[in-house]
Amino acid sequence: MSVSNAYSNNNPKEKTIIVSGKIVDLNKNELLAGVSITTSQVEKTMYSDLNGNFFIYIKIKDTSNFKLEFSQVGYASKTLSYEDLSKVSGNIEITLTEE
């Protein structure tokens, strides 16, 4: 996953983050298409593409409560906090396991 931060010119407390990477079935090592990616602060849902790739560009106001949730029917969902995301550089690989 790649995480980039930028502050908004209009609101110094607002951050723009960019998160990208791919989503993989942990046991089968297969890319997962159509995984739902939702945020805790913005009513926005994105989906991984046919190759399991995702890209998120979003403005957030409160990093302490920001979370991304990755979910798909038949798989245990995974949630990452802003703190989790800020520790990563480069592209990230999200792994989901079947329920």
PDB file of N, CA and C in Angstrom:
ATOM      1  N   MET A   1       0.851  -1.155   0.000  1.00  0.00           N
ATOM      2  CA  MET A   1       0.000   0.000   0.000  1.00  0.00           C
ATOM      3  C   MET A   1       0.887   1.204   0.000  1.00  0.00           C
ATOM      4  N   SER A   2       0.461   2.161  -0.652  1.00  0.00           N
ATOM      5  CA  SER A   2       1.164   3.424  -0.660  1.00  0.00           C
ATOM      6  C   SER A   2       0.287   4.429   0.049  1.00  0.00           C
ATOM      7  N   VAL A   3       0.848   5.132   0.994  1.00  0.00           N
ATOM      8  CA  VAL A   3       0.101   6.146   1.721  1.00  0.00           C
ATOM      9  C   VAL A   3       0.827   7.461   1.553  1.00  0.00           C
ATOM     10  N   SER A   4       0.127   8.446   1.063  1.00  0.00           N
ATOM     11  CA  SER A   4       0.688   9.782   0.930  1.00  0.00           C
ATOM     12  C   SER A   4      -0.202  10.736   1.689  1.00  0.00           C
ATOM     13  N   ASN A   5       0.403  11.702   2.346  1.00  0.00           N
ATOM     14  CA  ASN A   5      -0.343  12.699   3.099  1.00  0.00           C
ATOM     15  C   ASN A   5      -0.097  14.075   2.521  1.00  0.00           C
ATOM     16  N   ALA A   6      -1.122  14.862   2.482  1.00  0.00           N
ATOM     17  CA  ALA A   6      -1.006  16.254   2.078  1.00  0.00           C
ATOM     18  C   ALA A   6      -2.040  17.037   2.861  1.00  0.00           C
ATOM     19  N   TYR A   7      -1.682  18.236   3.259  1.00  0.00           N
ATOM     20  CA  TYR A   7      -2.631  19.069   3.979  1.00  0.00           C
ATOM     21  C   TYR A   7      -3.363  19.961   3.001  1.00  0.00           C
ATOM     22  N   SER A   8      -4.644  20.167   3.274  1.00  0.00           N
ATOM     23  CA  SER A   8      -5.469  21.014   2.421  1.00  0.00           C
ATOM     24  C   SER A   8      -5.107  22.471   2.644  1.00  0.00           C
ATOM     25  N   ASN A   9      -5.090  23.250   1.579  1.00  0.00           N
ATOM     26  CA  ASN A   9      -4.835  24.687   1.704  1.00  0.00           C
ATOM     27  C   ASN A   9      -5.962  25.388   2.436  1.00  0.00           C
ATOM     28  N   ASN A  10      -7.166  24.896   2.296  1.00  0.00           N
ATOM     29  CA  ASN A  10      -8.325  25.533   2.910  1.00  0.00           C
ATOM     30  C   ASN A  10      -8.490  25.167   4.374  1.00  0.00           C
ATOM     31  N   ASN A  11      -8.039  24.015   4.770  1.00  0.00           N
ATOM     32  CA  ASN A  11      -8.227  23.542   6.135  1.00  0.00           C
ATOM     33  C   ASN A  11      -6.961  22.810   6.573  1.00  0.00           C
ATOM     34  N   PRO A  12      -6.139  23.450   7.430  1.00  0.00           N
ATOM     35  CA  PRO A  12      -4.867  22.824   7.823  1.00  0.00           C
ATOM     36  C   PRO A  12      -5.038  21.537   8.624  1.00  0.00           C
ATOM     37  N   LYS A  13      -6.225  21.299   9.184  1.00  0.00           N
ATOM     38  CA  LYS A  13      -6.464  20.065   9.935  1.00  0.00           C
ATOM     39  C   LYS A  13      -6.906  18.930   9.024  1.00  0.00           C
ATOM     40  N   GLU A  14      -7.306  19.248   7.817  1.00  0.00           N
ATOM     41  CA  GLU A  14      -7.772  18.237   6.873  1.00  0.00           C
ATOM     42  C   GLU A  14      -6.586  17.663   6.106  1.00  0.00           C
ATOM     43  N   LYS A  15      -6.530  16.336   6.032  1.00  0.00           N
ATOM     44  CA  LYS A  15      -5.464  15.660   5.293  1.00  0.00           C
ATOM     45  C   LYS A  15      -6.049  14.945   4.094  1.00  0.00           C
ATOM     46  N   THR A  16      -5.284  14.924   3.042  1.00  0.00           N
ATOM     47  CA  THR A  16      -5.628  14.112   1.883  1.00  0.00           C
ATOM     48  C   THR A  16      -4.711  12.906   1.915  1.00  0.00           C
ATOM     49  N   ILE A  17      -5.306  11.722   1.873  1.00  0.00           N
ATOM     50  CA  ILE A  17      -4.481  10.522   1.847  1.00  0.00           C
ATOM     51  C   ILE A  17      -4.739   9.743   0.564  1.00  0.00           C
ATOM     52  N   ILE A  18      -3.704   9.080   0.131  1.00  0.00           N
ATOM     53  CA  ILE A  18      -3.781   8.216  -1.036  1.00  0.00           C
ATOM     54  C   ILE A  18      -3.288   6.840  -0.596  1.00  0.00           C
ATOM     55  N   VAL A  19      -4.116   5.851  -0.784  1.00  0.00           N
ATOM     56  CA  VAL A  19      -3.775   4.487  -0.387  1.00  0.00           C
ATOM     57  C   VAL A  19      -3.946   3.599  -1.610  1.00  0.00           C
ATOM     58  N   SER A  20      -2.936   2.787  -1.905  1.00  0.00           N
ATOM     59  CA  SER A  20      -3.053   1.873  -3.044  1.00  0.00           C
ATOM     60  C   SER A  20      -2.360   0.561  -2.736  1.00  0.00           C
ATOM     61  N   GLY A  21      -2.802  -0.462  -3.412  1.00  0.00           N
ATOM     62  CA  GLY A  21      -2.209  -1.776  -3.218  1.00  0.00           C
ATOM     63  C   GLY A  21      -3.033  -2.842  -3.903  1.00  0.00           C
ATOM     64  N   LYS A  22      -2.918  -4.078  -3.390  1.00  0.00           N
ATOM     65  CA  LYS A  22      -3.689  -5.181  -3.956  1.00  0.00           C
ATOM     66  C   LYS A  22      -4.237  -6.042  -2.825  1.00  0.00           C
ATOM     67  N   ILE A  23      -5.284  -6.798  -3.152  1.00  0.00           N
ATOM     68  CA  ILE A  23      -5.963  -7.637  -2.171  1.00  0.00           C
ATOM     69  C   ILE A  23      -5.869  -9.085  -2.638  1.00  0.00           C
ATOM     70  N   VAL A  24      -5.440  -9.956  -1.711  1.00  0.00           N
ATOM     71  CA  VAL A  24      -5.135 -11.338  -2.046  1.00  0.00           C
ATOM     72  C   VAL A  24      -5.822 -12.285  -1.065  1.00  0.00           C
ATOM     73  N   ASP A  25      -6.293 -13.423  -1.577  1.00  0.00           N
ATOM     74  CA  ASP A  25      -6.782 -14.512  -0.732  1.00  0.00           C
ATOM     75  C   ASP A  25      -5.549 -15.137  -0.089  1.00  0.00           C
ATOM     76  N   LEU A  26      -5.488 -15.116   1.238  1.00  0.00           N
ATOM     77  CA  LEU A  26      -4.303 -15.577   1.955  1.00  0.00           C
ATOM     78  C   LEU A  26      -3.973 -17.043   1.690  1.00  0.00           C
ATOM     79  N   ASN A  27      -4.982 -17.901   1.684  1.00  0.00           N
ATOM     80  CA  ASN A  27      -4.730 -19.336   1.543  1.00  0.00           C
ATOM     81  C   ASN A  27      -4.479 -19.780   0.100  1.00  0.00           C
ATOM     82  N   LYS A  28      -5.198 -19.180  -0.842  1.00  0.00           N
ATOM     83  CA  LYS A  28      -5.074 -19.589  -2.242  1.00  0.00           C
ATOM     84  C   LYS A  28      -4.052 -18.757  -3.010  1.00  0.00           C
ATOM     85  N   ASN A  29      -3.617 -17.656  -2.399  1.00  0.00           N
ATOM     86  CA  ASN A  29      -2.683 -16.723  -3.045  1.00  0.00           C
ATOM     87  C   ASN A  29      -3.230 -16.228  -4.388  1.00  0.00           C
ATOM     88  N   GLU A  30      -4.557 -15.985  -4.420  1.00  0.00           N
ATOM     89  CA  GLU A  30      -5.218 -15.468  -5.622  1.00  0.00           C
ATOM     90  C   GLU A  30      -5.656 -14.038  -5.373  1.00  0.00           C
ATOM     91  N   LEU A  31      -5.606 -13.219  -6.422  1.00  0.00           N
ATOM     92  CA  LEU A  31      -6.055 -11.836  -6.317  1.00  0.00           C
ATOM     93  C   LEU A  31      -7.576 -11.807  -6.195  1.00  0.00           C
ATOM     94  N   LEU A  32      -8.088 -10.886  -5.386  1.00  0.00           N
ATOM     95  CA  LEU A  32      -9.530 -10.801  -5.156  1.00  0.00           C
ATOM     96  C   LEU A  32     -10.120  -9.551  -5.802  1.00  0.00           C
ATOM     97  N   ALA A  33     -11.012  -9.767  -6.744  1.00  0.00           N
ATOM     98  CA  ALA A  33     -11.717  -8.670  -7.408  1.00  0.00           C
ATOM     99  C   ALA A  33     -13.007  -8.367  -6.654  1.00  0.00           C
ATOM    100  N   GLY A  34     -13.442  -7.128  -6.711  1.00  0.00           N
ATOM    101  CA  GLY A  34     -14.730  -6.747  -6.146  1.00  0.00           C
ATOM    102  C   GLY A  34     -14.776  -6.663  -4.637  1.00  0.00           C
ATOM    103  N   VAL A  35     -13.626  -6.556  -3.985  1.00  0.00           N
ATOM    104  CA  VAL A  35     -13.608  -6.380  -2.533  1.00  0.00           C
ATOM    105  C   VAL A  35     -14.077  -4.966  -2.220  1.00  0.00           C
ATOM    106  N   SER A  36     -14.998  -4.850  -1.283  1.00  0.00           N
ATOM    107  CA  SER A  36     -15.544  -3.561  -0.865  1.00  0.00           C
ATOM    108  C   SER A  36     -14.582  -2.888   0.104  1.00  0.00           C
ATOM    109  N   ILE A  37     -14.295  -1.615  -0.150  1.00  0.00           N
ATOM    110  CA  ILE A  37     -13.416  -0.840   0.719  1.00  0.00           C
ATOM    111  C   ILE A  37     -14.208   0.382   1.179  1.00  0.00           C
ATOM    112  N   THR A  38     -14.490   0.442   2.476  1.00  0.00           N
ATOM    113  CA  THR A  38     -15.264   1.554   3.026  1.00  0.00           C
ATOM    114  C   THR A  38     -14.427   2.314   4.047  1.00  0.00           C
ATOM    115  N   THR A  39     -14.804   3.561   4.274  1.00  0.00           N
ATOM    116  CA  THR A  39     -14.094   4.399   5.230  1.00  0.00           C
ATOM    117  C   THR A  39     -15.006   4.731   6.405  1.00  0.00           C
ATOM    118  N   SER A  40     -14.398   5.064   7.516  1.00  0.00           N
ATOM    119  CA  SER A  40     -15.158   5.381   8.715  1.00  0.00           C
ATOM    120  C   SER A  40     -15.663   6.820   8.728  1.00  0.00           C
ATOM    121  N   GLN A  41     -15.069   7.696   7.938  1.00  0.00           N
ATOM    122  CA  GLN A  41     -15.414   9.115   8.025  1.00  0.00           C
ATOM    123  C   GLN A  41     -16.138   9.669   6.811  1.00  0.00           C
ATOM    124  N   VAL A  42     -15.997   9.043   5.697  1.00  0.00           N
ATOM    125  CA  VAL A  42     -16.599   9.551   4.474  1.00  0.00           C
ATOM    126  C   VAL A  42     -17.516   8.476   3.926  1.00  0.00           C
ATOM    127  N   GLU A  43     -18.707   8.867   3.554  1.00  0.00           N
ATOM    128  CA  GLU A  43     -19.647   7.897   2.990  1.00  0.00           C
ATOM    129  C   GLU A  43     -19.249   7.600   1.557  1.00  0.00           C
ATOM    130  N   LYS A  44     -18.266   6.747   1.445  1.00  0.00           N
ATOM    131  CA  LYS A  44     -17.721   6.426   0.135  1.00  0.00           C
ATOM    132  C   LYS A  44     -17.296   4.956   0.158  1.00  0.00           C
ATOM    133  N   THR A  45     -17.660   4.238  -0.877  1.00  0.00           N
ATOM    134  CA  THR A  45     -17.237   2.848  -1.007  1.00  0.00           C
ATOM    135  C   THR A  45     -16.516   2.687  -2.333  1.00  0.00           C
ATOM    136  N   MET A  46     -15.383   2.034  -2.271  1.00  0.00           N
ATOM    137  CA  MET A  46     -14.612   1.722  -3.465  1.00  0.00           C
ATOM    138  C   MET A  46     -14.504   0.205  -3.560  1.00  0.00           C
ATOM    139  N   TYR A  47     -14.074  -0.293  -4.708  1.00  0.00           N
ATOM    140  CA  TYR A  47     -13.943  -1.737  -4.906  1.00  0.00           C
ATOM    141  C   TYR A  47     -12.613  -2.044  -5.578  1.00  0.00           C
ATOM    142  N   SER A  48     -12.063  -3.215  -5.254  1.00  0.00           N
ATOM    143  CA  SER A  48     -10.847  -3.635  -5.948  1.00  0.00           C
ATOM    144  C   SER A  48     -11.222  -4.008  -7.386  1.00  0.00           C
ATOM    145  N   ASP A  49     -10.276  -3.801  -8.306  1.00  0.00           N
ATOM    146  CA  ASP A  49     -10.554  -4.095  -9.721  1.00  0.00           C
ATOM    147  C   ASP A  49     -10.395  -5.585 -10.014  1.00  0.00           C
ATOM    148  N   LEU A  50     -10.480  -5.962 -11.274  1.00  0.00           N
ATOM    149  CA  LEU A  50     -10.409  -7.373 -11.669  1.00  0.00           C
ATOM    150  C   LEU A  50      -9.081  -8.034 -11.315  1.00  0.00           C
ATOM    151  N   ASN A  51      -8.041  -7.222 -11.114  1.00  0.00           N
ATOM    152  CA  ASN A  51      -6.722  -7.741 -10.756  1.00  0.00           C
ATOM    153  C   ASN A  51      -6.424  -7.602  -9.266  1.00  0.00           C
ATOM    154  N   GLY A  52      -7.454  -7.287  -8.471  1.00  0.00           N
ATOM    155  CA  GLY A  52      -7.272  -7.149  -7.032  1.00  0.00           C
ATOM    156  C   GLY A  52      -6.656  -5.835  -6.595  1.00  0.00           C
ATOM    157  N   ASN A  53      -6.444  -4.920  -7.526  1.00  0.00           N
ATOM    158  CA  ASN A  53      -5.835  -3.629  -7.205  1.00  0.00           C
ATOM    159  C   ASN A  53      -6.878  -2.645  -6.685  1.00  0.00           C
ATOM    160  N   PHE A  54      -6.437  -1.739  -5.831  1.00  0.00           N
ATOM    161  CA  PHE A  54      -7.309  -0.667  -5.364  1.00  0.00           C
ATOM    162  C   PHE A  54      -6.519   0.624  -5.239  1.00  0.00           C
ATOM    163  N   PHE A  55      -7.241   1.725  -5.301  1.00  0.00           N
ATOM    164  CA  PHE A  55      -6.649   3.056  -5.186  1.00  0.00           C
ATOM    165  C   PHE A  55      -7.674   3.943  -4.504  1.00  0.00           C
ATOM    166  N   ILE A  56      -7.262   4.602  -3.433  1.00  0.00           N
ATOM    167  CA  ILE A  56      -8.169   5.465  -2.682  1.00  0.00           C
ATOM    168  C   ILE A  56      -7.537   6.839  -2.519  1.00  0.00           C
ATOM    169  N   TYR A  57      -8.278   7.858  -2.867  1.00  0.00           N
ATOM    170  CA  TYR A  57      -7.869   9.245  -2.696  1.00  0.00           C
ATOM    171  C   TYR A  57      -8.987   9.892  -1.897  1.00  0.00           C
ATOM    172  N   ILE A  58      -8.687  10.314  -0.682  1.00  0.00           N
ATOM    173  CA  ILE A  58      -9.754  10.790   0.193  1.00  0.00           C
ATOM    174  C   ILE A  58      -9.254  11.869   1.142  1.00  0.00           C
ATOM    175  N   LYS A  59     -10.126  12.803   1.481  1.00  0.00           N
ATOM    176  CA  LYS A  59      -9.816  13.850   2.457  1.00  0.00           C
ATOM    177  C   LYS A  59     -10.430  13.471   3.791  1.00  0.00           C
ATOM    178  N   ILE A  60      -9.617  13.546   4.847  1.00  0.00           N
ATOM    179  CA  ILE A  60     -10.109  13.211   6.181  1.00  0.00           C
ATOM    180  C   ILE A  60      -9.792  14.343   7.151  1.00  0.00           C
ATOM    181  N   LYS A  61     -10.641  14.463   8.164  1.00  0.00           N
ATOM    182  CA  LYS A  61     -10.467  15.528   9.154  1.00  0.00           C
ATOM    183  C   LYS A  61      -9.866  15.026  10.452  1.00  0.00           C
ATOM    184  N   ASP A  62     -10.129  13.790  10.809  1.00  0.00           N
ATOM    185  CA  ASP A  62      -9.692  13.264  12.101  1.00  0.00           C
ATOM    186  C   ASP A  62      -8.955  11.954  11.891  1.00  0.00           C
ATOM    187  N   THR A  63      -7.636  12.010  11.910  1.00  0.00           N
ATOM    188  CA  THR A  63      -6.847  10.807  11.664  1.00  0.00           C
ATOM    189  C   THR A  63      -6.958   9.797  12.805  1.00  0.00           C
ATOM    190  N   SER A  64      -7.264  10.265  14.010  1.00  0.00           N
ATOM    191  CA  SER A  64      -7.326   9.342  15.147  1.00  0.00           C
ATOM    192  C   SER A  64      -8.494   8.364  15.038  1.00  0.00           C
ATOM    193  N   ASN A  65      -9.541   8.733  14.321  1.00  0.00           N
ATOM    194  CA  ASN A  65     -10.708   7.863  14.183  1.00  0.00           C
ATOM    195  C   ASN A  65     -10.871   7.282  12.781  1.00  0.00           C
ATOM    196  N   PHE A  66      -9.903   7.509  11.905  1.00  0.00           N
ATOM    197  CA  PHE A  66     -10.022   7.053  10.527  1.00  0.00           C
ATOM    198  C   PHE A  66      -9.707   5.568  10.416  1.00  0.00           C
ATOM    199  N   LYS A  67     -10.564   4.856   9.695  1.00  0.00           N
ATOM    200  CA  LYS A  67     -10.355   3.425   9.452  1.00  0.00           C
ATOM    201  C   LYS A  67     -10.792   3.076   8.037  1.00  0.00           C
ATOM    202  N   LEU A  68     -10.114   2.098   7.455  1.00  0.00           N
ATOM    203  CA  LEU A  68     -10.514   1.513   6.178  1.00  0.00           C
ATOM    204  C   LEU A  68     -10.897   0.071   6.446  1.00  0.00           C
ATOM    205  N   GLU A  69     -12.045  -0.347   5.910  1.00  0.00           N
ATOM    206  CA  GLU A  69     -12.472  -1.728   6.082  1.00  0.00           C
ATOM    207  C   GLU A  69     -12.549  -2.406   4.721  1.00  0.00           C
ATOM    208  N   PHE A  70     -11.926  -3.565   4.630  1.00  0.00           N
ATOM    209  CA  PHE A  70     -11.905  -4.380   3.420  1.00  0.00           C
ATOM    210  C   PHE A  70     -12.798  -5.581   3.678  1.00  0.00           C
ATOM    211  N   SER A  71     -13.812  -5.778   2.826  1.00  0.00           N
ATOM    212  CA  SER A  71     -14.722  -6.900   3.069  1.00  0.00           C
ATOM    213  C   SER A  71     -15.246  -7.476   1.753  1.00  0.00           C
ATOM    214  N   GLN A  72     -15.555  -8.772   1.817  1.00  0.00           N
ATOM    215  CA  GLN A  72     -16.160  -9.476   0.687  1.00  0.00           C
ATOM    216  C   GLN A  72     -16.919 -10.672   1.259  1.00  0.00           C
ATOM    217  N   VAL A  73     -18.052 -10.986   0.644  1.00  0.00           N
ATOM    218  CA  VAL A  73     -18.860 -12.118   1.089  1.00  0.00           C
ATOM    219  C   VAL A  73     -17.992 -13.380   1.093  1.00  0.00           C
ATOM    220  N   GLY A  74     -18.059 -14.125   2.198  1.00  0.00           N
ATOM    221  CA  GLY A  74     -17.309 -15.367   2.311  1.00  0.00           C
ATOM    222  C   GLY A  74     -15.924 -15.201   2.922  1.00  0.00           C
ATOM    223  N   TYR A  75     -15.532 -13.963   3.205  1.00  0.00           N
ATOM    224  CA  TYR A  75     -14.215 -13.683   3.776  1.00  0.00           C
ATOM    225  C   TYR A  75     -14.361 -12.884   5.071  1.00  0.00           C
ATOM    226  N   ALA A  76     -13.425 -13.101   5.983  1.00  0.00           N
ATOM    227  CA  ALA A  76     -13.375 -12.285   7.199  1.00  0.00           C
ATOM    228  C   ALA A  76     -12.889 -10.895   6.801  1.00  0.00           C
ATOM    229  N   SER A  77     -13.572  -9.856   7.267  1.00  0.00           N
ATOM    230  CA  SER A  77     -13.172  -8.497   6.906  1.00  0.00           C
ATOM    231  C   SER A  77     -11.910  -8.099   7.667  1.00  0.00           C
ATOM    232  N   LYS A  78     -11.225  -7.110   7.129  1.00  0.00           N
ATOM    233  CA  LYS A  78     -10.003  -6.595   7.744  1.00  0.00           C
ATOM    234  C   LYS A  78     -10.131  -5.091   7.848  1.00  0.00           C
ATOM    235  N   THR A  79      -9.780  -4.537   9.011  1.00  0.00           N
ATOM    236  CA  THR A  79      -9.851  -3.099   9.234  1.00  0.00           C
ATOM    237  C   THR A  79      -8.470  -2.565   9.567  1.00  0.00           C
ATOM    238  N   LEU A  80      -8.107  -1.464   8.926  1.00  0.00           N
ATOM    239  CA  LEU A  80      -6.835  -0.798   9.188  1.00  0.00           C
ATOM    240  C   LEU A  80      -7.095   0.621   9.658  1.00  0.00           C
ATOM    241  N   SER A  81      -6.384   1.041  10.681  1.00  0.00           N
ATOM    242  CA  SER A  81      -6.499   2.407  11.189  1.00  0.00           C
ATOM    243  C   SER A  81      -5.526   3.315  10.443  1.00  0.00           C
ATOM    244  N   TYR A  82      -5.664   4.611  10.645  1.00  0.00           N
ATOM    245  CA  TYR A  82      -4.737   5.556  10.036  1.00  0.00           C
ATOM    246  C   TYR A  82      -3.319   5.275  10.530  1.00  0.00           C
ATOM    247  N   GLU A  83      -3.196   4.925  11.814  1.00  0.00           N
ATOM    248  CA  GLU A  83      -1.878   4.611  12.379  1.00  0.00           C
ATOM    249  C   GLU A  83      -1.254   3.418  11.657  1.00  0.00           C
ATOM    250  N   ASP A  84      -2.058   2.385  11.393  1.00  0.00           N
ATOM    251  CA  ASP A  84      -1.566   1.224  10.633  1.00  0.00           C
ATOM    252  C   ASP A  84      -1.067   1.656   9.258  1.00  0.00           C
ATOM    253  N   LEU A  85      -1.851   2.490   8.611  1.00  0.00           N
ATOM    254  CA  LEU A  85      -1.534   2.925   7.254  1.00  0.00           C
ATOM    255  C   LEU A  85      -0.286   3.799   7.220  1.00  0.00           C
ATOM    256  N   SER A  86      -0.097   4.630   8.234  1.00  0.00           N
ATOM    257  CA  SER A  86       1.029   5.564   8.231  1.00  0.00           C
ATOM    258  C   SER A  86       2.369   4.873   8.440  1.00  0.00           C
ATOM    259  N   LYS A  87       2.372   3.628   8.872  1.00  0.00           N
ATOM    260  CA  LYS A  87       3.609   2.871   9.095  1.00  0.00           C
ATOM    261  C   LYS A  87       4.113   2.192   7.827  1.00  0.00           C
ATOM    262  N   VAL A  88       3.345   2.269   6.768  1.00  0.00           N
ATOM    263  CA  VAL A  88       3.652   1.541   5.539  1.00  0.00           C
ATOM    264  C   VAL A  88       4.152   2.502   4.473  1.00  0.00           C
ATOM    265  N   SER A  89       5.149   2.063   3.733  1.00  0.00           N
ATOM    266  CA  SER A  89       5.568   2.842   2.562  1.00  0.00           C
ATOM    267  C   SER A  89       5.558   1.903   1.361  1.00  0.00           C
ATOM    268  N   GLY A  90       5.252   2.437   0.223  1.00  0.00           N
ATOM    269  CA  GLY A  90       5.146   1.606  -0.978  1.00  0.00           C
ATOM    270  C   GLY A  90       3.784   0.946  -1.064  1.00  0.00           C
ATOM    271  N   ASN A  91       3.629   0.046  -2.005  1.00  0.00           N
ATOM    272  CA  ASN A  91       2.355  -0.646  -2.189  1.00  0.00           C
ATOM    273  C   ASN A  91       2.144  -1.669  -1.084  1.00  0.00           C
ATOM    274  N   ILE A  92       0.902  -1.835  -0.698  1.00  0.00           N
ATOM    275  CA  ILE A  92       0.564  -2.780   0.374  1.00  0.00           C
ATOM    276  C   ILE A  92      -0.202  -3.954  -0.208  1.00  0.00           C
ATOM    277  N   GLU A  93      -0.090  -5.070   0.460  1.00  0.00           N
ATOM    278  CA  GLU A  93      -0.868  -6.248   0.100  1.00  0.00           C
ATOM    279  C   GLU A  93      -1.796  -6.561   1.275  1.00  0.00           C
ATOM    280  N   ILE A  94      -3.083  -6.468   1.017  1.00  0.00           N
ATOM    281  CA  ILE A  94      -4.097  -6.808   2.017  1.00  0.00           C
ATOM    282  C   ILE A  94      -4.460  -8.264   1.799  1.00  0.00           C
ATOM    283  N   THR A  95      -4.384  -9.060   2.859  1.00  0.00           N
ATOM    284  CA  THR A  95      -4.750 -10.467   2.746  1.00  0.00           C
ATOM    285  C   THR A  95      -6.053 -10.728   3.498  1.00  0.00           C
ATOM    286  N   LEU A  96      -6.956 -11.416   2.830  1.00  0.00           N
ATOM    287  CA  LEU A  96      -8.223 -11.815   3.461  1.00  0.00           C
ATOM    288  C   LEU A  96      -8.275 -13.335   3.529  1.00  0.00           C
ATOM    289  N   THR A  97      -8.927 -13.836   4.582  1.00  0.00           N
ATOM    290  CA  THR A  97      -9.063 -15.286   4.743  1.00  0.00           C
ATOM    291  C   THR A  97     -10.525 -15.670   4.642  1.00  0.00           C
ATOM    292  N   GLU A  98     -10.779 -16.835   4.062  1.00  0.00           N
ATOM    293  CA  GLU A  98     -12.146 -17.314   3.935  1.00  0.00           C
ATOM    294  C   GLU A  98     -12.700 -17.628   5.319  1.00  0.00           C
ATOM    295  N   GLU A  99     -14.021 -17.390   5.443  1.00  0.00           N
ATOM    296  CA  GLU A  99     -14.688 -17.685   6.723  1.00  0.00           C
ATOM    297  C   GLU A  99     -15.064 -19.135   6.785  1.00  0.00           C
TER     298      GLU A  99
END
